[in-house]
Amino acid sequence: MRDLVDDILPKIGAPATRALASIGITRLAQLADHRAQDLLALHGFGPRAIKLLQEALDAKGLSFRADSPDR
């Protein structure tokens, strides 16, 4: 149960949260499968949200995906 609590997205604002939900992201760990620049292309998502999410990922030893979108 604690793992689920620790995997909650930080408060990044309603538009950014809706943007993530629109592509199926509801947990922090799911962000590791996505590049930050791809998330910035989502409507309602901006640099502040990336910064807050990066800080949360860093705290868990995770990061955004760094490779090309084709993998």
C-alpha atoms as a PDB file:
ATOM      1  CA  MET A   1       0.000   0.000   0.000  1.00  0.00           C
ATOM      2  CA  ARG A   2       2.824   2.401   0.830  1.00  0.00           C
ATOM      3  CA  ASP A   3       4.282   1.974  -2.676  1.00  0.00           C
ATOM      4  CA  LEU A   4       1.042   3.273  -4.173  1.00  0.00           C
ATOM      5  CA  VAL A   5       1.065   6.289  -1.852  1.00  0.00           C
ATOM      6  CA  ASP A   6       4.681   7.023  -2.751  1.00  0.00           C
ATOM      7  CA  ASP A   7       3.865   6.814  -6.458  1.00  0.00           C
ATOM      8  CA  ILE A   8       1.230   9.580  -6.484  1.00  0.00           C
ATOM      9  CA  LEU A   9       1.809  12.479  -8.862  1.00  0.00           C
ATOM     10  CA  PRO A  10       2.698  15.765  -7.147  1.00  0.00           C
ATOM     11  CA  LYS A  11       0.321  18.715  -7.373  1.00  0.00           C
ATOM     12  CA  ILE A  12       1.134  20.228 -10.775  1.00  0.00           C
ATOM     13  CA  GLY A  13      -2.137  21.977 -11.521  1.00  0.00           C
ATOM     14  CA  ALA A  14      -5.413  20.755 -12.974  1.00  0.00           C
ATOM     15  CA  PRO A  15      -4.637  21.366 -16.679  1.00  0.00           C
ATOM     16  CA  ALA A  16      -1.317  19.508 -16.502  1.00  0.00           C
ATOM     17  CA  THR A  17      -2.852  16.679 -14.478  1.00  0.00           C
ATOM     18  CA  ARG A  18      -5.652  16.326 -17.052  1.00  0.00           C
ATOM     19  CA  ALA A  19      -3.070  16.333 -19.850  1.00  0.00           C
ATOM     20  CA  LEU A  20      -1.226  13.443 -18.215  1.00  0.00           C
ATOM     21  CA  ALA A  21      -4.447  11.544 -17.582  1.00  0.00           C
ATOM     22  CA  SER A  22      -5.378  11.954 -21.247  1.00  0.00           C
ATOM     23  CA  ILE A  23      -2.374   9.804 -22.180  1.00  0.00           C
ATOM     24  CA  GLY A  24      -2.880   7.332 -19.338  1.00  0.00           C
ATOM     25  CA  ILE A  25      -0.393   8.668 -16.799  1.00  0.00           C
ATOM     26  CA  THR A  26      -1.759   8.531 -13.269  1.00  0.00           C
ATOM     27  CA  ARG A  27       1.332   7.455 -11.320  1.00  0.00           C
ATOM     28  CA  LEU A  28       4.798   8.955 -10.938  1.00  0.00           C
ATOM     29  CA  ALA A  29       6.645   5.838 -12.113  1.00  0.00           C
ATOM     30  CA  GLN A  30       4.770   5.943 -15.443  1.00  0.00           C
ATOM     31  CA  LEU A  31       6.628   9.159 -16.325  1.00  0.00           C
ATOM     32  CA  ALA A  32       9.863   7.209 -16.788  1.00  0.00           C
ATOM     33  CA  ASP A  33       8.418   5.883 -20.063  1.00  0.00           C
ATOM     34  CA  HIS A  34       8.024   9.410 -21.484  1.00  0.00           C
ATOM     35  CA  ARG A  35      10.349  12.173 -22.601  1.00  0.00           C
ATOM     36  CA  ALA A  36       9.918  15.582 -20.958  1.00  0.00           C
ATOM     37  CA  GLN A  37       9.830  17.311 -24.343  1.00  0.00           C
ATOM     38  CA  ASP A  38       6.963  15.071 -25.458  1.00  0.00           C
ATOM     39  CA  LEU A  39       4.969  15.993 -22.366  1.00  0.00           C
ATOM     40  CA  LEU A  40       5.551  19.682 -23.056  1.00  0.00           C
ATOM     41  CA  ALA A  41       3.691  19.211 -26.345  1.00  0.00           C
ATOM     42  CA  LEU A  42       0.495  18.328 -24.442  1.00  0.00           C
ATOM     43  CA  HIS A  43      -2.177  21.025 -24.192  1.00  0.00           C
ATOM     44  CA  GLY A  44      -2.146  22.509 -20.684  1.00  0.00           C
ATOM     45  CA  PHE A  45       1.334  21.255 -19.848  1.00  0.00           C
ATOM     46  CA  GLY A  46       4.251  23.630 -19.282  1.00  0.00           C
ATOM     47  CA  PRO A  47       7.764  24.025 -17.894  1.00  0.00           C
ATOM     48  CA  ARG A  48       6.561  24.443 -14.299  1.00  0.00           C
ATOM     49  CA  ALA A  49       4.901  21.013 -14.401  1.00  0.00           C
ATOM     50  CA  ILE A  50       8.076  19.455 -15.833  1.00  0.00           C
ATOM     51  CA  LYS A  51      10.136  21.031 -13.038  1.00  0.00           C
ATOM     52  CA  LEU A  52       7.806  19.736 -10.313  1.00  0.00           C
ATOM     53  CA  LEU A  53       7.657  16.279 -11.843  1.00  0.00           C
ATOM     54  CA  GLN A  54      11.442  16.139 -12.292  1.00  0.00           C
ATOM     55  CA  GLU A  55      11.905  16.994  -8.612  1.00  0.00           C
ATOM     56  CA  ALA A  56       9.483  14.227  -7.626  1.00  0.00           C
ATOM     57  CA  LEU A  57      11.196  11.747  -9.958  1.00  0.00           C
ATOM     58  CA  ASP A  58      14.633  12.708  -8.604  1.00  0.00           C
ATOM     59  CA  ALA A  59      13.425  12.040  -5.052  1.00  0.00           C
ATOM     60  CA  LYS A  60      12.516   8.482  -6.122  1.00  0.00           C
ATOM     61  CA  GLY A  61      15.692   7.868  -8.127  1.00  0.00           C
ATOM     62  CA  LEU A  62      13.746   8.002 -11.405  1.00  0.00           C
ATOM     63  CA  SER A  63      13.924  10.222 -14.479  1.00  0.00           C
ATOM     64  CA  PHE A  64      12.142  11.005 -17.704  1.00  0.00           C
ATOM     65  CA  ARG A  65      13.054   8.855 -20.682  1.00  0.00           C
ATOM     66  CA  ALA A  66      16.063  10.353 -22.460  1.00  0.00           C
ATOM     67  CA  ASP A  67      16.187   8.399 -25.721  1.00  0.00           C
ATOM     68  CA  SER A  68      14.497   9.110 -29.022  1.00  0.00           C
ATOM     69  CA  PRO A  69      10.724   8.603 -29.276  1.00  0.00           C
ATOM     70  CA  ASP A  70      11.306   5.555 -31.519  1.00  0.00           C
ATOM     71  CA  ARG A  71      13.406   3.838 -28.829  1.00  0.00           C
END
